[in-house]
mmCIF file of all heavy atoms, coordinates in Angstrom:
data_MODEL
# 
_entry.id   MODEL 
# 
loop_
_atom_site.group_PDB 
_atom_site.id 
_atom_site.type_symbol 
_atom_site.label_atom_id 
_atom_site.label_alt_id 
_atom_site.label_comp_id 
_atom_site.label_asym_id 
_atom_site.label_entity_id 
_atom_site.label_seq_id 
_atom_site.pdbx_PDB_ins_code 
_atom_site.Cartn_x 
_atom_site.Cartn_y 
_atom_site.Cartn_z 
_atom_site.occupancy 
_atom_site.B_iso_or_equiv 
_atom_site.pdbx_formal_charge 
_atom_site.auth_seq_id 
_atom_site.auth_comp_id 
_atom_site.auth_asym_id 
_atom_site.auth_atom_id 
_atom_site.pdbx_PDB_model_num 
ATOM 1   N N   . GLU A 1 1  ? -55.369 -25.922 -50.137 1.00 0.00 ? 1  GLU A N   1 
ATOM 2   C CA  . GLU A 1 1  ? -55.653 -27.113 -50.812 1.00 0.00 ? 1  GLU A CA  1 
ATOM 3   C C   . GLU A 1 1  ? -54.429 -28.190 -50.531 1.00 0.00 ? 1  GLU A C   1 
ATOM 4   O O   . GLU A 1 1  ? -53.275 -27.924 -50.789 1.00 0.00 ? 1  GLU A O   1 
ATOM 5   C CB  . GLU A 1 1  ? -55.735 -26.828 -52.247 1.00 0.00 ? 1  GLU A CB  1 
ATOM 6   C CG  . GLU A 1 1  ? -56.873 -25.947 -52.655 1.00 0.00 ? 1  GLU A CG  1 
ATOM 7   C CD  . GLU A 1 1  ? -57.144 -25.811 -54.097 1.00 0.00 ? 1  GLU A CD  1 
ATOM 8   O OE1 . GLU A 1 1  ? -56.995 -26.865 -54.857 1.00 0.00 ? 1  GLU A OE1 1 
ATOM 9   O OE2 . GLU A 1 1  ? -57.233 -24.641 -54.573 1.00 0.00 ? 1  GLU A OE2 1 
ATOM 10  N N   . ASP A 1 2  ? -54.829 -29.344 -50.053 1.00 0.00 ? 2  ASP A N   1 
ATOM 11  C CA  . ASP A 1 2  ? -53.842 -30.267 -49.643 1.00 0.00 ? 2  ASP A CA  1 
ATOM 12  C C   . ASP A 1 2  ? -52.917 -30.814 -50.799 1.00 0.00 ? 2  ASP A C   1 
ATOM 13  O O   . ASP A 1 2  ? -51.700 -30.966 -50.527 1.00 0.00 ? 2  ASP A O   1 
ATOM 14  C CB  . ASP A 1 2  ? -54.531 -31.525 -49.011 1.00 0.00 ? 2  ASP A CB  1 
ATOM 15  C CG  . ASP A 1 2  ? -55.281 -31.232 -47.723 1.00 0.00 ? 2  ASP A CG  1 
ATOM 16  O OD1 . ASP A 1 2  ? -55.080 -30.110 -47.159 1.00 0.00 ? 2  ASP A OD1 1 
ATOM 17  O OD2 . ASP A 1 2  ? -56.211 -32.077 -47.342 1.00 0.00 ? 2  ASP A OD2 1 
ATOM 18  N N   . ASP A 1 3  ? -53.544 -31.033 -51.900 1.00 0.00 ? 3  ASP A N   1 
ATOM 19  C CA  . ASP A 1 3  ? -52.726 -31.581 -53.018 1.00 0.00 ? 3  ASP A CA  1 
ATOM 20  C C   . ASP A 1 3  ? -51.726 -30.595 -53.538 1.00 0.00 ? 3  ASP A C   1 
ATOM 21  O O   . ASP A 1 3  ? -50.595 -30.940 -53.834 1.00 0.00 ? 3  ASP A O   1 
ATOM 22  C CB  . ASP A 1 3  ? -53.659 -32.032 -54.140 1.00 0.00 ? 3  ASP A CB  1 
ATOM 23  C CG  . ASP A 1 3  ? -54.555 -31.031 -54.672 1.00 0.00 ? 3  ASP A CG  1 
ATOM 24  O OD1 . ASP A 1 3  ? -54.781 -29.996 -53.977 1.00 0.00 ? 3  ASP A OD1 1 
ATOM 25  O OD2 . ASP A 1 3  ? -55.180 -31.164 -55.792 1.00 0.00 ? 3  ASP A OD2 1 
ATOM 26  N N   . ILE A 1 4  ? -52.088 -29.354 -53.643 1.00 0.00 ? 4  ILE A N   1 
ATOM 27  C CA  . ILE A 1 4  ? -51.176 -28.246 -54.068 1.00 0.00 ? 4  ILE A CA  1 
ATOM 28  C C   . ILE A 1 4  ? -50.110 -28.037 -53.040 1.00 0.00 ? 4  ILE A C   1 
ATOM 29  O O   . ILE A 1 4  ? -48.901 -27.800 -53.435 1.00 0.00 ? 4  ILE A O   1 
ATOM 30  C CB  . ILE A 1 4  ? -51.861 -26.914 -54.351 1.00 0.00 ? 4  ILE A CB  1 
ATOM 31  C CG1 . ILE A 1 4  ? -53.021 -27.157 -55.533 1.00 0.00 ? 4  ILE A CG1 1 
ATOM 32  C CG2 . ILE A 1 4  ? -50.922 -25.794 -54.744 1.00 0.00 ? 4  ILE A CG2 1 
ATOM 33  C CD1 . ILE A 1 4  ? -53.753 -25.982 -55.829 1.00 0.00 ? 4  ILE A CD1 1 
ATOM 34  N N   . ARG A 1 5  ? -50.549 -28.086 -51.740 1.00 0.00 ? 5  ARG A N   1 
ATOM 35  C CA  . ARG A 1 5  ? -49.484 -27.911 -50.660 1.00 0.00 ? 5  ARG A CA  1 
ATOM 36  C C   . ARG A 1 5  ? -48.525 -29.071 -50.745 1.00 0.00 ? 5  ARG A C   1 
ATOM 37  O O   . ARG A 1 5  ? -47.274 -28.789 -50.671 1.00 0.00 ? 5  ARG A O   1 
ATOM 38  C CB  . ARG A 1 5  ? -50.234 -27.917 -49.334 1.00 0.00 ? 5  ARG A CB  1 
ATOM 39  C CG  . ARG A 1 5  ? -49.279 -27.460 -48.210 1.00 0.00 ? 5  ARG A CG  1 
ATOM 40  C CD  . ARG A 1 5  ? -50.070 -27.179 -46.903 1.00 0.00 ? 5  ARG A CD  1 
ATOM 41  N NE  . ARG A 1 5  ? -50.736 -28.471 -46.365 1.00 0.00 ? 5  ARG A NE  1 
ATOM 42  C CZ  . ARG A 1 5  ? -52.021 -28.565 -46.365 1.00 0.00 ? 5  ARG A CZ  1 
ATOM 43  N NH1 . ARG A 1 5  ? -52.877 -27.650 -46.788 1.00 0.00 ? 5  ARG A NH1 1 
ATOM 44  N NH2 . ARG A 1 5  ? -52.586 -29.647 -45.937 1.00 0.00 ? 5  ARG A NH2 1 
ATOM 45  N N   . SER A 1 6  ? -48.994 -30.182 -50.909 1.00 0.00 ? 6  SER A N   1 
ATOM 46  C CA  . SER A 1 6  ? -48.071 -31.410 -50.959 1.00 0.00 ? 6  SER A CA  1 
ATOM 47  C C   . SER A 1 6  ? -47.173 -31.374 -52.217 1.00 0.00 ? 6  SER A C   1 
ATOM 48  O O   . SER A 1 6  ? -45.919 -31.710 -52.162 1.00 0.00 ? 6  SER A O   1 
ATOM 49  C CB  . SER A 1 6  ? -48.857 -32.716 -50.944 1.00 0.00 ? 6  SER A CB  1 
ATOM 50  O OG  . SER A 1 6  ? -49.604 -32.837 -49.796 1.00 0.00 ? 6  SER A OG  1 
ATOM 51  N N   . LEU A 1 7  ? -47.728 -30.875 -53.287 1.00 0.00 ? 7  LEU A N   1 
ATOM 52  C CA  . LEU A 1 7  ? -46.936 -30.669 -54.554 1.00 0.00 ? 7  LEU A CA  1 
ATOM 53  C C   . LEU A 1 7  ? -45.878 -29.717 -54.397 1.00 0.00 ? 7  LEU A C   1 
ATOM 54  O O   . LEU A 1 7  ? -44.598 -30.065 -54.694 1.00 0.00 ? 7  LEU A O   1 
ATOM 55  C CB  . LEU A 1 7  ? -47.784 -30.263 -55.703 1.00 0.00 ? 7  LEU A CB  1 
ATOM 56  C CG  . LEU A 1 7  ? -47.150 -29.978 -56.977 1.00 0.00 ? 7  LEU A CG  1 
ATOM 57  C CD1 . LEU A 1 7  ? -46.455 -31.214 -57.607 1.00 0.00 ? 7  LEU A CD1 1 
ATOM 58  C CD2 . LEU A 1 7  ? -48.155 -29.327 -58.024 1.00 0.00 ? 7  LEU A CD2 1 
ATOM 59  N N   . ILE A 1 8  ? -46.099 -28.573 -53.769 1.00 0.00 ? 8  ILE A N   1 
ATOM 60  C CA  . ILE A 1 8  ? -45.081 -27.497 -53.554 1.00 0.00 ? 8  ILE A CA  1 
ATOM 61  C C   . ILE A 1 8  ? -44.023 -28.001 -52.582 1.00 0.00 ? 8  ILE A C   1 
ATOM 62  O O   . ILE A 1 8  ? -42.873 -27.958 -52.873 1.00 0.00 ? 8  ILE A O   1 
ATOM 63  C CB  . ILE A 1 8  ? -45.750 -26.195 -53.023 1.00 0.00 ? 8  ILE A CB  1 
ATOM 64  C CG1 . ILE A 1 8  ? -46.693 -25.590 -53.990 1.00 0.00 ? 8  ILE A CG1 1 
ATOM 65  C CG2 . ILE A 1 8  ? -44.703 -25.253 -52.652 1.00 0.00 ? 8  ILE A CG2 1 
ATOM 66  C CD1 . ILE A 1 8  ? -47.558 -24.447 -53.576 1.00 0.00 ? 8  ILE A CD1 1 
ATOM 67  N N   . SER A 1 9  ? -44.421 -28.709 -51.546 1.00 0.00 ? 9  SER A N   1 
ATOM 68  C CA  . SER A 1 9  ? -43.584 -29.115 -50.508 1.00 0.00 ? 9  SER A CA  1 
ATOM 69  C C   . SER A 1 9  ? -42.614 -30.217 -51.145 1.00 0.00 ? 9  SER A C   1 
ATOM 70  O O   . SER A 1 9  ? -41.349 -30.341 -50.791 1.00 0.00 ? 9  SER A O   1 
ATOM 71  C CB  . SER A 1 9  ? -44.311 -29.767 -49.343 1.00 0.00 ? 9  SER A CB  1 
ATOM 72  O OG  . SER A 1 9  ? -45.054 -28.812 -48.779 1.00 0.00 ? 9  SER A OG  1 
ATOM 73  N N   . GLY A 1 10 ? -43.092 -31.145 -51.933 1.00 0.00 ? 10 GLY A N   1 
ATOM 74  C CA  . GLY A 1 10 ? -42.358 -32.166 -52.510 1.00 0.00 ? 10 GLY A CA  1 
ATOM 75  C C   . GLY A 1 10 ? -41.310 -31.527 -53.578 1.00 0.00 ? 10 GLY A C   1 
ATOM 76  O O   . GLY A 1 10 ? -40.126 -32.032 -53.497 1.00 0.00 ? 10 GLY A O   1 
ATOM 77  N N   . ILE A 1 11 ? -41.686 -30.570 -54.364 1.00 0.00 ? 11 ILE A N   1 
ATOM 78  C CA  . ILE A 1 11 ? -40.799 -30.086 -55.311 1.00 0.00 ? 11 ILE A CA  1 
ATOM 79  C C   . ILE A 1 11 ? -39.654 -29.349 -54.578 1.00 0.00 ? 11 ILE A C   1 
ATOM 80  O O   . ILE A 1 11 ? -38.443 -29.568 -54.953 1.00 0.00 ? 11 ILE A O   1 
ATOM 81  C CB  . ILE A 1 11 ? -41.499 -29.039 -56.165 1.00 0.00 ? 11 ILE A CB  1 
ATOM 82  C CG1 . ILE A 1 11 ? -42.499 -29.682 -57.103 1.00 0.00 ? 11 ILE A CG1 1 
ATOM 83  C CG2 . ILE A 1 11 ? -40.441 -28.234 -56.980 1.00 0.00 ? 11 ILE A CG2 1 
ATOM 84  C CD1 . ILE A 1 11 ? -43.396 -28.799 -57.888 1.00 0.00 ? 11 ILE A CD1 1 
ATOM 85  N N   . LEU A 1 12 ? -39.909 -28.558 -53.543 1.00 0.00 ? 12 LEU A N   1 
ATOM 86  C CA  . LEU A 1 12 ? -38.871 -27.820 -52.875 1.00 0.00 ? 12 LEU A CA  1 
ATOM 87  C C   . LEU A 1 12 ? -38.015 -28.750 -51.895 1.00 0.00 ? 12 LEU A C   1 
ATOM 88  O O   . LEU A 1 12 ? -36.796 -28.574 -51.724 1.00 0.00 ? 12 LEU A O   1 
ATOM 89  C CB  . LEU A 1 12 ? -39.469 -26.773 -52.042 1.00 0.00 ? 12 LEU A CB  1 
ATOM 90  C CG  . LEU A 1 12 ? -40.162 -25.591 -52.857 1.00 0.00 ? 12 LEU A CG  1 
ATOM 91  C CD1 . LEU A 1 12 ? -40.909 -24.640 -51.911 1.00 0.00 ? 12 LEU A CD1 1 
ATOM 92  C CD2 . LEU A 1 12 ? -39.095 -24.913 -53.675 1.00 0.00 ? 12 LEU A CD2 1 
ATOM 93  N N   . SER A 1 13 ? -38.701 -29.764 -51.419 1.00 0.00 ? 13 SER A N   1 
ATOM 94  C CA  . SER A 1 13 ? -37.981 -30.749 -50.609 1.00 0.00 ? 13 SER A CA  1 
ATOM 95  C C   . SER A 1 13 ? -36.976 -31.595 -51.371 1.00 0.00 ? 13 SER A C   1 
ATOM 96  O O   . SER A 1 13 ? -35.791 -31.762 -50.943 1.00 0.00 ? 13 SER A O   1 
ATOM 97  C CB  . SER A 1 13 ? -38.937 -31.720 -49.936 1.00 0.00 ? 13 SER A CB  1 
ATOM 98  O OG  . SER A 1 13 ? -38.219 -32.673 -49.168 1.00 0.00 ? 13 SER A OG  1 
ATOM 99  N N   . ASP A 1 14 ? -37.300 -31.871 -52.679 1.00 0.00 ? 14 ASP A N   1 
ATOM 100 C CA  . ASP A 1 14 ? -36.295 -32.514 -53.518 1.00 0.00 ? 14 ASP A CA  1 
ATOM 101 C C   . ASP A 1 14 ? -35.167 -31.643 -53.852 1.00 0.00 ? 14 ASP A C   1 
ATOM 102 O O   . ASP A 1 14 ? -34.071 -32.193 -54.256 1.00 0.00 ? 14 ASP A O   1 
ATOM 103 C CB  . ASP A 1 14 ? -37.034 -32.883 -54.858 1.00 0.00 ? 14 ASP A CB  1 
ATOM 104 C CG  . ASP A 1 14 ? -38.058 -34.071 -54.659 1.00 0.00 ? 14 ASP A CG  1 
ATOM 105 O OD1 . ASP A 1 14 ? -37.949 -34.693 -53.756 1.00 0.00 ? 14 ASP A OD1 1 
ATOM 106 O OD2 . ASP A 1 14 ? -38.922 -34.256 -55.559 1.00 0.00 ? 14 ASP A OD2 1 
ATOM 107 N N   . GLU A 1 15 ? -35.269 -30.324 -53.662 1.00 0.00 ? 15 GLU A N   1 
ATOM 108 C CA  . GLU A 1 15 ? -34.161 -29.342 -53.946 1.00 0.00 ? 15 GLU A CA  1 
ATOM 109 C C   . GLU A 1 15 ? -33.269 -29.242 -52.816 1.00 0.00 ? 15 GLU A C   1 
ATOM 110 O O   . GLU A 1 15 ? -32.284 -28.544 -52.737 1.00 0.00 ? 15 GLU A O   1 
ATOM 111 C CB  . GLU A 1 15 ? -34.634 -28.022 -54.386 1.00 0.00 ? 15 GLU A CB  1 
ATOM 112 C CG  . GLU A 1 15 ? -35.518 -28.098 -55.754 1.00 0.00 ? 15 GLU A CG  1 
ATOM 113 C CD  . GLU A 1 15 ? -34.440 -28.409 -56.836 1.00 0.00 ? 15 GLU A CD  1 
ATOM 114 O OE1 . GLU A 1 15 ? -33.265 -27.954 -56.885 1.00 0.00 ? 15 GLU A OE1 1 
ATOM 115 O OE2 . GLU A 1 15 ? -34.836 -29.187 -57.766 1.00 0.00 ? 15 GLU A OE2 1 
ATOM 116 N N   . GLY A 1 16 ? -33.644 -29.894 -51.668 1.00 0.00 ? 16 GLY A N   1 
ATOM 117 C CA  . GLY A 1 16 ? -32.809 -29.951 -50.396 1.00 0.00 ? 16 GLY A CA  1 
ATOM 118 C C   . GLY A 1 16 ? -33.241 -28.937 -49.359 1.00 0.00 ? 16 GLY A C   1 
ATOM 119 O O   . GLY A 1 16 ? -32.612 -28.746 -48.296 1.00 0.00 ? 16 GLY A O   1 
ATOM 120 N N   . TYR A 1 17 ? -34.441 -28.237 -49.587 1.00 0.00 ? 17 TYR A N   1 
ATOM 121 C CA  . TYR A 1 17 ? -34.892 -27.369 -48.602 1.00 0.00 ? 17 TYR A CA  1 
ATOM 122 C C   . TYR A 1 17 ? -35.717 -27.986 -47.458 1.00 0.00 ? 17 TYR A C   1 
ATOM 123 O O   . TYR A 1 17 ? -36.277 -29.108 -47.696 1.00 0.00 ? 17 TYR A O   1 
ATOM 124 C CB  . TYR A 1 17 ? -35.850 -26.223 -49.288 1.00 0.00 ? 17 TYR A CB  1 
ATOM 125 C CG  . TYR A 1 17 ? -35.229 -25.387 -50.254 1.00 0.00 ? 17 TYR A CG  1 
ATOM 126 C CD1 . TYR A 1 17 ? -35.522 -25.538 -51.605 1.00 0.00 ? 17 TYR A CD1 1 
ATOM 127 C CD2 . TYR A 1 17 ? -34.260 -24.454 -49.830 1.00 0.00 ? 17 TYR A CD2 1 
ATOM 128 C CE1 . TYR A 1 17 ? -34.877 -24.791 -52.590 1.00 0.00 ? 17 TYR A CE1 1 
ATOM 129 C CE2 . TYR A 1 17 ? -33.725 -23.594 -50.776 1.00 0.00 ? 17 TYR A CE2 1 
ATOM 130 C CZ  . TYR A 1 17 ? -33.884 -23.812 -52.219 1.00 0.00 ? 17 TYR A CZ  1 
ATOM 131 O OH  . TYR A 1 17 ? -33.264 -22.988 -53.120 1.00 0.00 ? 17 TYR A OH  1 
ATOM 132 N N   . HIS A 1 18 ? -35.645 -27.498 -46.306 1.00 0.00 ? 18 HIS A N   1 
ATOM 133 C CA  . HIS A 1 18 ? -36.420 -27.998 -45.198 1.00 0.00 ? 18 HIS A CA  1 
ATOM 134 C C   . HIS A 1 18 ? -37.861 -27.315 -45.261 1.00 0.00 ? 18 HIS A C   1 
ATOM 135 O O   . HIS A 1 18 ? -37.954 -26.101 -45.293 1.00 0.00 ? 18 HIS A O   1 
ATOM 136 C CB  . HIS A 1 18 ? -35.807 -27.699 -43.878 1.00 0.00 ? 18 HIS A CB  1 
ATOM 137 C CG  . HIS A 1 18 ? -34.408 -28.314 -43.695 1.00 0.00 ? 18 HIS A CG  1 
ATOM 138 N ND1 . HIS A 1 18 ? -34.204 -29.438 -43.139 1.00 0.00 ? 18 HIS A ND1 1 
ATOM 139 C CD2 . HIS A 1 18 ? -33.250 -27.826 -44.076 1.00 0.00 ? 18 HIS A CD2 1 
ATOM 140 C CE1 . HIS A 1 18 ? -32.925 -29.806 -43.094 1.00 0.00 ? 18 HIS A CE1 1 
ATOM 141 N NE2 . HIS A 1 18 ? -32.305 -28.674 -43.726 1.00 0.00 ? 18 HIS A NE2 1 
ATOM 142 N N   . ILE A 1 19 ? -38.793 -28.112 -45.191 1.00 0.00 ? 19 ILE A N   1 
ATOM 143 C CA  . ILE A 1 19 ? -40.290 -27.675 -45.437 1.00 0.00 ? 19 ILE A CA  1 
ATOM 144 C C   . ILE A 1 19 ? -41.087 -27.809 -44.153 1.00 0.00 ? 19 ILE A C   1 
ATOM 145 O O   . ILE A 1 19 ? -41.053 -28.853 -43.514 1.00 0.00 ? 19 ILE A O   1 
ATOM 146 C CB  . ILE A 1 19 ? -40.900 -28.377 -46.624 1.00 0.00 ? 19 ILE A CB  1 
ATOM 147 C CG1 . ILE A 1 19 ? -40.007 -28.405 -47.850 1.00 0.00 ? 19 ILE A CG1 1 
ATOM 148 C CG2 . ILE A 1 19 ? -42.364 -27.835 -46.942 1.00 0.00 ? 19 ILE A CG2 1 
ATOM 149 C CD1 . ILE A 1 19 ? -39.667 -26.919 -48.470 1.00 0.00 ? 19 ILE A CD1 1 
ATOM 150 N N   . ARG A 1 20 ? -41.881 -26.841 -43.908 1.00 0.00 ? 20 ARG A N   1 
ATOM 151 C CA  . ARG A 1 20 ? -42.929 -26.966 -42.940 1.00 0.00 ? 20 ARG A CA  1 
ATOM 152 C C   . ARG A 1 20 ? -44.265 -26.433 -43.674 1.00 0.00 ? 20 ARG A C   1 
ATOM 153 O O   . ARG A 1 20 ? -44.197 -25.529 -44.498 1.00 0.00 ? 20 ARG A O   1 
ATOM 154 C CB  . ARG A 1 20 ? -42.715 -26.013 -41.715 1.00 0.00 ? 20 ARG A CB  1 
ATOM 155 C CG  . ARG A 1 20 ? -41.646 -26.626 -40.797 1.00 0.00 ? 20 ARG A CG  1 
ATOM 156 C CD  . ARG A 1 20 ? -41.597 -25.734 -39.448 1.00 0.00 ? 20 ARG A CD  1 
ATOM 157 N NE  . ARG A 1 20 ? -41.126 -24.472 -39.658 1.00 0.00 ? 20 ARG A NE  1 
ATOM 158 C CZ  . ARG A 1 20 ? -41.362 -23.483 -38.813 1.00 0.00 ? 20 ARG A CZ  1 
ATOM 159 N NH1 . ARG A 1 20 ? -42.002 -23.698 -37.693 1.00 0.00 ? 20 ARG A NH1 1 
ATOM 160 N NH2 . ARG A 1 20 ? -40.925 -22.293 -39.017 1.00 0.00 ? 20 ARG A NH2 1 
ATOM 161 N N   . GLU A 1 21 ? -45.347 -27.089 -43.205 1.00 0.00 ? 21 GLU A N   1 
ATOM 162 C CA  . GLU A 1 21 ? -46.640 -26.811 -43.935 1.00 0.00 ? 21 GLU A CA  1 
ATOM 163 C C   . GLU A 1 21 ? -47.720 -26.220 -42.992 1.00 0.00 ? 21 GLU A C   1 
ATOM 164 O O   . GLU A 1 21 ? -47.673 -26.505 -41.805 1.00 0.00 ? 21 GLU A O   1 
ATOM 165 C CB  . GLU A 1 21 ? -47.118 -28.025 -44.578 1.00 0.00 ? 21 GLU A CB  1 
ATOM 166 C CG  . GLU A 1 21 ? -46.304 -28.666 -45.589 1.00 0.00 ? 21 GLU A CG  1 
ATOM 167 C CD  . GLU A 1 21 ? -46.882 -30.003 -46.286 1.00 0.00 ? 21 GLU A CD  1 
ATOM 168 O OE1 . GLU A 1 21 ? -48.117 -30.173 -45.927 1.00 0.00 ? 21 GLU A OE1 1 
ATOM 169 O OE2 . GLU A 1 21 ? -46.133 -30.601 -46.963 1.00 0.00 ? 21 GLU A OE2 1 
ATOM 170 N N   . ALA A 1 22 ? -48.516 -25.277 -43.572 1.00 0.00 ? 22 ALA A N   1 
ATOM 171 C CA  . ALA A 1 22 ? -49.659 -24.738 -42.903 1.00 0.00 ? 22 ALA A CA  1 
ATOM 172 C C   . ALA A 1 22 ? -50.856 -24.828 -43.792 1.00 0.00 ? 22 ALA A C   1 
ATOM 173 O O   . ALA A 1 22 ? -50.761 -24.353 -44.906 1.00 0.00 ? 22 ALA A O   1 
ATOM 174 C CB  . ALA A 1 22 ? -49.484 -23.462 -42.358 1.00 0.00 ? 22 ALA A CB  1 
ATOM 175 N N   . GLY A 1 23 ? -52.103 -25.186 -43.309 1.00 0.00 ? 23 GLY A N   1 
ATOM 176 C CA  . GLY A 1 23 ? -53.273 -25.184 -44.183 1.00 0.00 ? 23 GLY A CA  1 
ATOM 177 C C   . GLY A 1 23 ? -54.272 -23.981 -44.116 1.00 0.00 ? 23 GLY A C   1 
ATOM 178 O O   . GLY A 1 23 ? -55.135 -23.796 -44.837 1.00 0.00 ? 23 GLY A O   1 
ATOM 179 N N   . ASN A 1 24 ? -53.837 -23.150 -43.058 1.00 0.00 ? 24 ASN A N   1 
ATOM 180 C CA  . ASN A 1 24 ? -54.757 -21.916 -42.856 1.00 0.00 ? 24 ASN A CA  1 
ATOM 181 C C   . ASN A 1 24 ? -53.844 -20.796 -42.082 1.00 0.00 ? 24 ASN A C   1 
ATOM 182 O O   . ASN A 1 24 ? -52.633 -21.013 -41.829 1.00 0.00 ? 24 ASN A O   1 
ATOM 183 C CB  . ASN A 1 24 ? -55.894 -22.152 -42.025 1.00 0.00 ? 24 ASN A CB  1 
ATOM 184 C CG  . ASN A 1 24 ? -55.653 -23.040 -40.697 1.00 0.00 ? 24 ASN A CG  1 
ATOM 185 O OD1 . ASN A 1 24 ? -54.853 -22.408 -39.896 1.00 0.00 ? 24 ASN A OD1 1 
ATOM 186 N ND2 . ASN A 1 24 ? -56.218 -24.094 -40.465 1.00 0.00 ? 24 ASN A ND2 1 
ATOM 187 N N   . SER A 1 25 ? -54.412 -19.726 -41.927 1.00 0.00 ? 25 SER A N   1 
ATOM 188 C CA  . SER A 1 25 ? -53.665 -18.532 -41.390 1.00 0.00 ? 25 SER A CA  1 
ATOM 189 C C   . SER A 1 25 ? -53.326 -18.659 -39.931 1.00 0.00 ? 25 SER A C   1 
ATOM 190 O O   . SER A 1 25 ? -52.244 -18.407 -39.485 1.00 0.00 ? 25 SER A O   1 
ATOM 191 C CB  . SER A 1 25 ? -54.399 -17.220 -41.478 1.00 0.00 ? 25 SER A CB  1 
ATOM 192 O OG  . SER A 1 25 ? -55.718 -17.266 -40.795 1.00 0.00 ? 25 SER A OG  1 
ATOM 193 N N   . GLU A 1 26 ? -54.290 -19.449 -39.167 1.00 0.00 ? 26 GLU A N   1 
ATOM 194 C CA  . GLU A 1 26 ? -53.989 -19.624 -37.733 1.00 0.00 ? 26 GLU A CA  1 
ATOM 195 C C   . GLU A 1 26 ? -52.813 -20.560 -37.645 1.00 0.00 ? 26 GLU A C   1 
ATOM 196 O O   . GLU A 1 26 ? -51.853 -20.286 -36.741 1.00 0.00 ? 26 GLU A O   1 
ATOM 197 C CB  . GLU A 1 26 ? -55.269 -20.317 -37.029 1.00 0.00 ? 26 GLU A CB  1 
ATOM 198 C CG  . GLU A 1 26 ? -56.497 -19.302 -37.079 1.00 0.00 ? 26 GLU A CG  1 
ATOM 199 C CD  . GLU A 1 26 ? -57.264 -19.363 -38.429 1.00 0.00 ? 26 GLU A CD  1 
ATOM 200 O OE1 . GLU A 1 26 ? -56.986 -20.296 -39.176 1.00 0.00 ? 26 GLU A OE1 1 
ATOM 201 O OE2 . GLU A 1 26 ? -57.925 -18.342 -38.713 1.00 0.00 ? 26 GLU A OE2 1 
# 
């Protein structure tokens, strides 16, 4: 889910972590 993925990435990015995203297993 795009919105949940963006929410998680935003929260962790604000904490200083480097984030990569994937929308499926492949």
